[in-house]
Amino acid sequence: MQGINVIDYATLAVAASVVALTDASPTLPATAKRMYITAETDAVRWRADGEDPTTSEGHVLAVNDSISFTGANYRQLLEKIRFIKQTNTAALKITYYD
């Protein structure tokens, strides 16, 4: 990932209600354009099309899997992506890049 810099690292708790990166601690940085996410404790579902995921609809991010949005400017995606637990409360670990 040459040419991009780490901005911040965050944790996001994902439970029965839909959450966004603005719910992470710390929240989505204003200058973030890229991210790397790992599911730490359980699977989640996610969508980035402006619609909310459900426990049965959306892309699955299984426990110990990751997704990477680092190859371009993904700011719009970062603002739209939403998560919900698939079965049990989950924790996501997020690294933000410029």
C-alpha atoms as a PDB file:
ATOM      1  CA  MET A   1       0.000   0.000   0.000  1.00  0.00           C
ATOM      2  CA  GLN A   2       2.656   2.411  -1.056  1.00  0.00           C
ATOM      3  CA  GLY A   3       1.665   6.066  -1.053  1.00  0.00           C
ATOM      4  CA  ILE A   4      -1.079   5.895   1.562  1.00  0.00           C
ATOM      5  CA  ASN A   5      -0.781   6.625   5.247  1.00  0.00           C
ATOM      6  CA  VAL A   6      -2.507   5.152   8.268  1.00  0.00           C
ATOM      7  CA  ILE A   7      -4.811   7.762   9.782  1.00  0.00           C
ATOM      8  CA  ASP A   8      -6.440   5.885  12.656  1.00  0.00           C
ATOM      9  CA  TYR A   9      -7.477   2.545  14.127  1.00  0.00           C
ATOM     10  CA  ALA A  10     -10.971   1.886  15.486  1.00  0.00           C
ATOM     11  CA  THR A  11     -13.253  -0.745  16.970  1.00  0.00           C
ATOM     12  CA  LEU A  12     -16.908  -1.082  15.990  1.00  0.00           C
ATOM     13  CA  ALA A  13     -19.371  -3.129  18.052  1.00  0.00           C
ATOM     14  CA  VAL A  14     -21.983  -4.723  15.797  1.00  0.00           C
ATOM     15  CA  ALA A  15     -25.201  -5.938  17.420  1.00  0.00           C
ATOM     16  CA  ALA A  16     -28.908  -6.186  16.529  1.00  0.00           C
ATOM     17  CA  SER A  17     -29.144  -2.600  15.239  1.00  0.00           C
ATOM     18  CA  VAL A  18     -27.517  -1.437  12.015  1.00  0.00           C
ATOM     19  CA  VAL A  19     -24.321   0.561  12.591  1.00  0.00           C
ATOM     20  CA  ALA A  20     -22.043   2.691  10.428  1.00  0.00           C
ATOM     21  CA  LEU A  21     -18.421   3.787  10.647  1.00  0.00           C
ATOM     22  CA  THR A  22     -19.629   6.952  12.369  1.00  0.00           C
ATOM     23  CA  ASP A  23     -20.575   4.656  15.287  1.00  0.00           C
ATOM     24  CA  ALA A  24     -17.001   3.327  15.621  1.00  0.00           C
ATOM     25  CA  SER A  25     -14.681   4.391  18.414  1.00  0.00           C
ATOM     26  CA  PRO A  26     -13.026   6.594  17.311  1.00  0.00           C
ATOM     27  CA  THR A  27     -15.427   7.635  14.583  1.00  0.00           C
ATOM     28  CA  LEU A  28     -14.756   7.751  10.827  1.00  0.00           C
ATOM     29  CA  PRO A  29     -11.967  10.324  10.282  1.00  0.00           C
ATOM     30  CA  ALA A  30     -12.855  13.247   8.007  1.00  0.00           C
ATOM     31  CA  THR A  31      -9.830  12.594   5.757  1.00  0.00           C
ATOM     32  CA  ALA A  32     -10.193   8.795   5.449  1.00  0.00           C
ATOM     33  CA  LYS A  33     -10.517   7.480   1.887  1.00  0.00           C
ATOM     34  CA  ARG A  34      -9.583   3.826   2.431  1.00  0.00           C
ATOM     35  CA  MET A  35      -9.973   1.116   5.091  1.00  0.00           C
ATOM     36  CA  TYR A  36      -9.152  -2.424   6.112  1.00  0.00           C
ATOM     37  CA  ILE A  37     -11.648  -4.303   8.330  1.00  0.00           C
ATOM     38  CA  THR A  38     -11.359  -7.579  10.261  1.00  0.00           C
ATOM     39  CA  ALA A  39     -14.250  -9.418  11.954  1.00  0.00           C
ATOM     40  CA  GLU A  40     -12.923 -10.394  15.368  1.00  0.00           C
ATOM     41  CA  THR A  41     -15.626 -12.205  17.337  1.00  0.00           C
ATOM     42  CA  ASP A  42     -18.494 -13.224  15.049  1.00  0.00           C
ATOM     43  CA  ALA A  43     -19.831 -12.836  11.526  1.00  0.00           C
ATOM     44  CA  VAL A  44     -21.529  -9.675  10.295  1.00  0.00           C
ATOM     45  CA  ARG A  45     -23.439  -8.702   7.175  1.00  0.00           C
ATOM     46  CA  TRP A  46     -22.688  -5.485   5.338  1.00  0.00           C
ATOM     47  CA  ARG A  47     -24.003  -3.347   2.502  1.00  0.00           C
ATOM     48  CA  ALA A  48     -22.560  -0.210   0.922  1.00  0.00           C
ATOM     49  CA  ASP A  49     -25.343   0.689  -1.517  1.00  0.00           C
ATOM     50  CA  GLY A  50     -27.258   2.991   0.811  1.00  0.00           C
ATOM     51  CA  GLU A  51     -29.597   0.235   2.048  1.00  0.00           C
ATOM     52  CA  ASP A  52     -29.384  -1.380   5.478  1.00  0.00           C
ATOM     53  CA  PRO A  53     -28.262  -5.003   5.769  1.00  0.00           C
ATOM     54  CA  THR A  54     -30.324  -7.502   7.762  1.00  0.00           C
ATOM     55  CA  THR A  55     -29.311 -10.672   9.564  1.00  0.00           C
ATOM     56  CA  SER A  56     -30.109 -12.556   6.341  1.00  0.00           C
ATOM     57  CA  GLU A  57     -29.365  -9.985   3.609  1.00  0.00           C
ATOM     58  CA  GLY A  58     -26.063  -8.406   2.619  1.00  0.00           C
ATOM     59  CA  HIS A  59     -22.498  -9.595   2.147  1.00  0.00           C
ATOM     60  CA  VAL A  60     -21.192 -11.892   4.886  1.00  0.00           C
ATOM     61  CA  LEU A  61     -17.940 -11.039   6.631  1.00  0.00           C
ATOM     62  CA  ALA A  62     -17.135 -14.224   8.574  1.00  0.00           C
ATOM     63  CA  VAL A  63     -15.229 -14.265  11.847  1.00  0.00           C
ATOM     64  CA  ASN A  64     -11.468 -13.872  11.247  1.00  0.00           C
ATOM     65  CA  ASP A  65     -12.064 -12.699   7.664  1.00  0.00           C
ATOM     66  CA  SER A  66     -11.272  -9.245   6.359  1.00  0.00           C
ATOM     67  CA  ILE A  67     -12.247  -6.825   3.629  1.00  0.00           C
ATOM     68  CA  SER A  68     -10.006  -4.214   2.124  1.00  0.00           C
ATOM     69  CA  PHE A  69     -10.966  -0.999   0.388  1.00  0.00           C
ATOM     70  CA  THR A  70      -7.482   0.396  -0.193  1.00  0.00           C
ATOM     71  CA  GLY A  71      -6.903   0.583  -3.954  1.00  0.00           C
ATOM     72  CA  ALA A  72      -8.720   3.839  -4.705  1.00  0.00           C
ATOM     73  CA  ASN A  73     -10.619   6.720  -3.114  1.00  0.00           C
ATOM     74  CA  TYR A  74     -13.506   4.977  -1.332  1.00  0.00           C
ATOM     75  CA  ARG A  75     -14.784   7.945   0.694  1.00  0.00           C
ATOM     76  CA  GLN A  76     -18.362   7.595  -0.593  1.00  0.00           C
ATOM     77  CA  LEU A  77     -18.355   3.887   0.273  1.00  0.00           C
ATOM     78  CA  LEU A  78     -16.988   4.627   3.762  1.00  0.00           C
ATOM     79  CA  GLU A  79     -19.904   6.993   4.342  1.00  0.00           C
ATOM     80  CA  LYS A  80     -22.515   4.497   3.091  1.00  0.00           C
ATOM     81  CA  ILE A  81     -21.309   1.137   4.453  1.00  0.00           C
ATOM     82  CA  ARG A  82     -23.500  -0.369   7.177  1.00  0.00           C
ATOM     83  CA  PHE A  83     -23.157  -3.494   9.328  1.00  0.00           C
ATOM     84  CA  ILE A  84     -25.385  -5.759  11.405  1.00  0.00           C
ATOM     85  CA  LYS A  85     -24.592  -8.923  13.362  1.00  0.00           C
ATOM     86  CA  GLN A  86     -25.428 -12.193  11.649  1.00  0.00           C
ATOM     87  CA  THR A  87     -25.973 -14.218  14.839  1.00  0.00           C
ATOM     88  CA  ASN A  88     -24.096 -12.907  17.902  1.00  0.00           C
ATOM     89  CA  THR A  89     -22.710  -9.487  18.753  1.00  0.00           C
ATOM     90  CA  ALA A  90     -19.498  -8.949  16.831  1.00  0.00           C
ATOM     91  CA  ALA A  91     -16.489  -6.639  16.975  1.00  0.00           C
ATOM     92  CA  LEU A  92     -14.861  -5.176  13.895  1.00  0.00           C
ATOM     93  CA  LYS A  93     -11.316  -3.824  13.895  1.00  0.00           C
ATOM     94  CA  ILE A  94     -10.780  -1.040  11.365  1.00  0.00           C
ATOM     95  CA  THR A  95      -7.673   0.690  10.043  1.00  0.00           C
ATOM     96  CA  TYR A  96      -8.282   3.937   8.145  1.00  0.00           C
ATOM     97  CA  TYR A  97      -5.959   5.317   5.472  1.00  0.00           C
ATOM     98  CA  ASP A  98      -5.765   8.616   3.604  1.00  0.00           C
END
